[in-house]
Amino acid sequence: MIKLVGVEKTLGGQPVLRGVNLTIPEGKLTTIIGGSGSGKSVLLKHMIGLMQPDRGEILIDGTDIAHLKGRALNEVRKKFAMLFQSAALFDSMTVFDNVAFPLREKLRLSGDSVSRRVNEKLAQVGLADMGHKFPAELSGGMRKRAGVARALVMEPEIILFDEPTTGLDPLMAKSIHDLIVAMQRQFKFTAVMVSHEIPEIFGISDWVAMLKKGRIAEMAPSSEFVKTTDEEIREFIFVGGPFMGQGQPAASL
């Protein structure tokens, strides 16, 4: 579904991506981890065409979007939705209208069809009675849920999640993780998540990849990733020793 080949990007004279090679498994939840400033969000923005690489290929279903623009790029983007850290809701719109926004912008649907799809998605994320409220009236967790509903409403093949639990307490973060997993399992979309939530991501991800020094240092199924023999990666994800019982995974990096 998504394949990056030799992707390089320099920002402000500083190399950020130094030849990223990455294949995202179709229909699975893949989480990308890495240190602060390692380029995780930059990598995500390349996948959806919000940024273009200096070199390399970004293949979406076999189409290289690395240098696509205009209508050709927008056609590929129809496969995508993205949930940003802040959920990026419009403050002047109700929750209902925020979720309805992409339907009204991109599809010619009747008012009844829009209402049916929006209310269905709001119910699926636990906001069945919240459509009339404005974002400022919602808790942080509810705003994230509204963002998930908006991402789902176009029924995309791929959803990108950029630090979806930023700013939430541990219990609320877990509820958002559980929601993402439940929606991914139900609708079978390909999910790519950037996260700093360690060790929680190992319990929800199908695959984990680590971005280090501008390259993918390791990628494996989550159950195998924690068995890595790379000492730098082990230092990043563990505190005090081996995983599962003998030492404690890092709480958040």
Protein backbone atom coordinates (compact mmCIF):
# COMPACT_ATOMS: atom_id res chain seq x y z
CA MET A 1 0.00 0.00 0.00
CA ILE A 2 2.76 2.46 0.99
CA LYS A 3 6.43 2.10 0.09
CA LEU A 4 9.24 4.61 0.58
CA VAL A 5 12.49 4.09 -1.29
CA GLY A 6 15.60 6.15 -0.51
CA VAL A 7 13.63 9.15 0.76
CA GLU A 8 15.81 12.13 1.69
CA LYS A 9 14.77 15.51 3.08
CA THR A 10 16.79 18.46 4.36
CA LEU A 11 15.08 21.26 6.30
CA GLY A 12 16.85 24.49 7.21
CA GLY A 13 20.14 23.04 6.08
CA GLN A 14 19.74 20.08 8.46
CA PRO A 15 19.31 16.57 7.01
CA VAL A 16 16.17 15.03 8.54
CA LEU A 17 15.53 11.98 6.37
CA ARG A 18 18.73 10.36 5.12
CA GLY A 19 17.52 7.62 2.81
CA VAL A 20 14.40 6.11 4.37
CA ASN A 21 13.37 2.69 3.07
CA LEU A 22 10.03 1.57 4.49
CA THR A 23 7.16 -0.67 3.41
CA ILE A 24 3.87 -0.32 5.29
CA PRO A 25 1.84 -3.58 5.43
CA GLU A 26 -1.64 -3.26 3.97
CA GLY A 27 -4.58 -3.50 6.36
CA LYS A 28 -2.40 -3.38 9.47
CA LEU A 29 -1.55 -0.84 12.19
CA THR A 30 2.09 0.23 11.96
CA THR A 31 3.58 2.56 14.56
CA ILE A 32 6.69 4.65 13.96
CA ILE A 33 8.75 5.53 17.02
CA GLY A 34 11.92 7.54 17.50
CA GLY A 35 13.50 10.29 19.55
CA SER A 36 12.22 13.87 19.63
CA GLY A 37 13.18 15.68 16.45
CA SER A 38 13.99 12.44 14.62
CA GLY A 39 11.64 13.32 11.75
CA LYS A 40 8.65 11.08 12.51
CA SER A 41 6.03 13.70 11.65
CA VAL A 42 8.04 14.82 8.62
CA LEU A 43 7.99 11.22 7.41
CA LEU A 44 4.22 11.02 7.88
CA LYS A 45 3.69 14.24 5.91
CA HIS A 46 5.69 12.80 3.01
CA MET A 47 3.35 9.80 2.86
CA ILE A 48 0.33 11.99 2.21
CA GLY A 49 2.11 14.48 -0.05
CA LEU A 50 2.10 17.45 2.33
CA MET A 51 5.88 17.51 1.88
CA GLN A 52 7.95 16.43 -1.10
CA PRO A 53 11.30 14.66 -0.79
CA ASP A 54 14.57 16.01 -2.10
CA ARG A 55 15.30 12.51 -3.41
CA GLY A 56 13.60 9.13 -3.43
CA GLU A 57 10.27 7.55 -4.24
CA ILE A 58 6.99 7.47 -2.32
CA LEU A 59 4.78 4.78 -3.79
CA ILE A 60 1.07 4.64 -2.98
CA ASP A 61 -0.48 1.56 -4.59
CA GLY A 62 2.38 1.68 -7.08
CA THR A 63 2.01 5.38 -7.94
CA ASP A 64 5.04 7.54 -7.13
CA ILE A 65 3.70 10.74 -5.53
CA ALA A 66 7.14 12.19 -4.77
CA HIS A 67 6.72 14.97 -7.29
CA LEU A 68 3.01 14.89 -8.07
CA LYS A 69 1.06 18.14 -7.78
CA GLY A 70 -2.42 19.49 -8.32
CA ARG A 71 -5.16 17.19 -9.55
CA ALA A 72 -2.90 14.14 -9.86
CA LEU A 73 -1.82 14.39 -6.22
CA ASN A 74 -5.37 15.08 -5.03
CA GLU A 75 -6.56 11.94 -6.79
CA VAL A 76 -4.12 9.81 -4.76
CA ARG A 77 -4.99 11.68 -1.56
CA LYS A 78 -8.55 10.43 -1.84
CA LYS A 79 -7.24 7.20 -0.36
CA PHE A 80 -6.07 9.04 2.78
CA ALA A 81 -7.26 10.70 5.93
CA MET A 82 -5.03 12.19 8.62
CA LEU A 83 -5.53 12.88 12.31
CA PHE A 84 -3.20 15.63 13.51
CA GLN A 85 -1.97 16.09 17.09
CA SER A 86 -4.52 18.81 17.83
CA ALA A 87 -7.33 17.06 15.89
CA ALA A 88 -7.37 20.30 13.79
CA LEU A 89 -11.08 20.97 14.32
CA PHE A 90 -12.63 24.23 13.13
CA ASP A 91 -13.52 26.19 16.27
CA SER A 92 -16.35 28.06 14.52
CA MET A 93 -18.12 24.84 13.49
CA THR A 94 -20.09 22.38 15.56
CA VAL A 95 -18.77 18.86 15.96
CA PHE A 96 -21.37 17.68 13.43
CA ASP A 97 -20.26 20.24 10.85
CA ASN A 98 -16.59 19.44 11.46
CA VAL A 99 -17.20 15.79 10.69
CA ALA A 100 -19.46 16.66 7.74
CA PHE A 101 -16.92 19.08 6.26
CA PRO A 102 -15.02 16.62 4.00
CA LEU A 103 -18.28 15.09 2.77
CA ARG A 104 -19.63 18.50 1.77
CA GLU A 105 -16.34 19.56 0.18
CA LYS A 106 -15.62 16.42 -1.82
CA LEU A 107 -18.84 14.51 -2.44
CA ARG A 108 -22.20 15.42 -3.87
CA LEU A 109 -24.46 13.88 -1.26
CA SER A 110 -27.94 14.80 -0.17
CA GLY A 111 -28.42 16.38 3.23
CA ASP A 112 -29.98 13.18 4.52
CA SER A 113 -27.02 11.11 3.35
CA VAL A 114 -24.56 13.48 5.01
CA SER A 115 -26.51 13.40 8.27
CA ARG A 116 -26.72 9.63 8.23
CA ARG A 117 -22.99 9.15 7.69
CA VAL A 118 -21.95 11.81 10.20
CA ASN A 119 -24.26 10.52 12.93
CA GLU A 120 -23.07 6.97 12.28
CA LYS A 121 -19.43 7.94 12.73
CA LEU A 122 -20.14 10.04 15.81
CA ALA A 123 -21.90 7.07 17.37
CA GLN A 124 -18.99 4.76 16.52
CA VAL A 125 -16.51 7.00 18.37
CA GLY A 126 -18.78 7.54 21.39
CA LEU A 127 -20.06 11.02 20.55
CA ALA A 128 -23.63 10.19 19.58
CA ASP A 129 -25.14 13.14 21.44
CA MET A 130 -22.35 15.65 20.92
CA GLY A 131 -22.88 16.80 17.34
CA HIS A 132 -24.43 20.14 18.40
CA LYS A 133 -21.49 21.14 20.59
CA PHE A 134 -18.50 23.25 19.56
CA PRO A 135 -14.90 22.03 19.98
CA ALA A 136 -14.29 24.44 22.87
CA GLU A 137 -17.06 22.69 24.81
CA LEU A 138 -15.38 19.28 24.55
CA SER A 139 -12.68 17.68 26.66
CA GLY A 140 -9.35 16.92 25.04
CA GLY A 141 -10.29 13.28 24.65
CA MET A 142 -13.62 14.14 23.03
CA ARG A 143 -11.89 16.43 20.55
CA LYS A 144 -9.59 13.55 19.59
CA ARG A 145 -12.66 11.33 19.13
CA ALA A 146 -14.27 13.95 16.89
CA GLY A 147 -11.06 14.02 14.86
CA VAL A 148 -11.22 10.24 14.48
CA ALA A 149 -14.85 10.51 13.32
CA ARG A 150 -13.88 13.07 10.69
CA ALA A 151 -11.02 10.85 9.52
CA LEU A 152 -13.40 7.90 9.17
CA VAL A 153 -16.30 9.65 7.48
CA MET A 154 -14.82 9.48 3.97
CA GLU A 155 -14.15 5.75 4.46
CA PRO A 156 -10.46 6.06 3.49
CA GLU A 157 -8.14 3.17 2.68
CA ILE A 158 -5.33 4.73 4.74
CA ILE A 159 -5.40 6.80 7.93
CA LEU A 160 -2.33 8.53 9.32
CA PHE A 161 -2.23 9.35 13.05
CA ASP A 162 0.29 11.99 14.16
CA GLU A 163 0.83 11.63 17.94
CA PRO A 164 -2.92 11.06 18.53
CA THR A 165 -2.65 10.99 22.34
CA THR A 166 -0.53 14.12 22.86
CA GLY A 167 -1.75 16.14 25.84
CA LEU A 168 -3.96 13.40 27.27
CA ASP A 169 -3.67 11.72 30.65
CA PRO A 170 -2.79 8.00 30.64
CA LEU A 171 -6.37 6.76 30.99
CA MET A 172 -7.65 9.00 28.21
CA ALA A 173 -4.68 8.09 26.02
CA LYS A 174 -5.53 4.41 26.48
CA SER A 175 -9.14 5.05 25.49
CA ILE A 176 -8.01 6.76 22.27
CA HIS A 177 -5.59 3.93 21.50
CA ASP A 178 -8.38 1.40 22.11
CA LEU A 179 -10.69 3.38 19.81
CA ILE A 180 -8.10 3.50 17.01
CA VAL A 181 -7.50 -0.24 17.28
CA ALA A 182 -11.23 -1.02 17.33
CA MET A 183 -11.90 1.15 14.27
CA GLN A 184 -8.91 -0.28 12.39
CA ARG A 185 -10.02 -3.84 13.11
CA GLN A 186 -13.59 -3.07 12.09
CA PHE A 187 -12.92 -1.16 8.87
CA LYS A 188 -9.60 -2.81 7.89
CA PHE A 189 -7.94 0.41 6.76
CA THR A 190 -4.16 0.67 6.65
CA ALA A 191 -3.07 2.69 9.69
CA VAL A 192 0.24 4.46 10.26
CA MET A 193 0.75 6.07 13.65
CA VAL A 194 3.57 8.21 14.98
CA SER A 195 3.76 7.86 18.75
CA HIS A 196 5.97 8.38 21.79
CA GLU A 197 3.77 6.18 23.98
CA ILE A 198 6.11 3.39 25.06
CA PRO A 199 5.37 0.65 26.07
CA GLU A 200 1.68 1.03 25.22
CA ILE A 201 2.20 0.96 21.47
CA PHE A 202 3.59 -2.58 21.62
CA GLY A 203 0.21 -3.81 22.84
CA ILE A 204 -1.81 -2.20 20.04
CA SER A 205 0.44 -2.23 16.96
CA ASP A 206 0.79 -4.99 14.40
CA TRP A 207 4.18 -3.64 13.33
CA VAL A 208 6.66 -1.19 14.84
CA ALA A 209 9.37 0.74 13.01
CA MET A 210 12.04 2.94 14.58
CA LEU A 211 13.40 6.05 12.89
CA LYS A 212 16.95 6.76 13.99
CA LYS A 213 19.49 9.15 12.47
CA GLY A 214 17.26 9.72 9.48
CA ARG A 215 16.81 6.06 8.57
CA ILE A 216 14.62 3.14 9.59
CA ALA A 217 16.85 1.35 12.08
CA GLU A 218 14.52 -1.59 12.59
CA MET A 219 11.02 -2.78 11.67
CA ALA A 220 9.30 -5.90 12.90
CA PRO A 221 6.01 -7.24 14.26
CA SER A 222 5.56 -5.65 17.70
CA SER A 223 6.08 -8.95 19.52
CA GLU A 224 9.41 -9.41 17.72
CA PHE A 225 10.54 -5.79 17.86
CA VAL A 226 10.97 -5.93 21.64
CA LYS A 227 13.44 -8.79 21.19
CA THR A 228 15.87 -6.60 19.23
CA THR A 229 19.57 -7.05 19.88
CA ASP A 230 20.39 -3.46 18.82
CA GLU A 231 21.72 -1.86 22.01
CA GLU A 232 20.70 1.71 21.09
CA ILE A 233 17.14 0.61 20.36
CA ARG A 234 17.01 -1.43 23.57
CA GLU A 235 18.18 1.60 25.51
CA PHE A 236 15.43 3.66 23.91
CA ILE A 237 12.56 1.29 24.65
CA PHE A 238 13.67 -0.28 27.95
CA VAL A 239 14.53 0.88 31.43
CA GLY A 240 16.37 -1.53 33.69
CA GLY A 241 16.66 -4.62 31.55
CA PRO A 242 14.92 -7.05 29.21
CA PHE A 243 11.25 -6.79 28.32
CA MET A 244 8.39 -8.66 30.00
CA GLY A 245 8.97 -9.15 33.67
CA GLN A 246 12.70 -8.75 34.16
CA GLY A 247 12.78 -5.02 33.49
CA GLN A 248 10.40 -2.16 32.90
CA PRO A 249 9.73 -0.63 29.49
CA ALA A 250 10.27 3.10 29.26
CA ALA A 251 7.05 4.92 30.16
CA SER A 252 7.36 7.62 27.52
CA LEU A 253 10.17 8.81 25.28
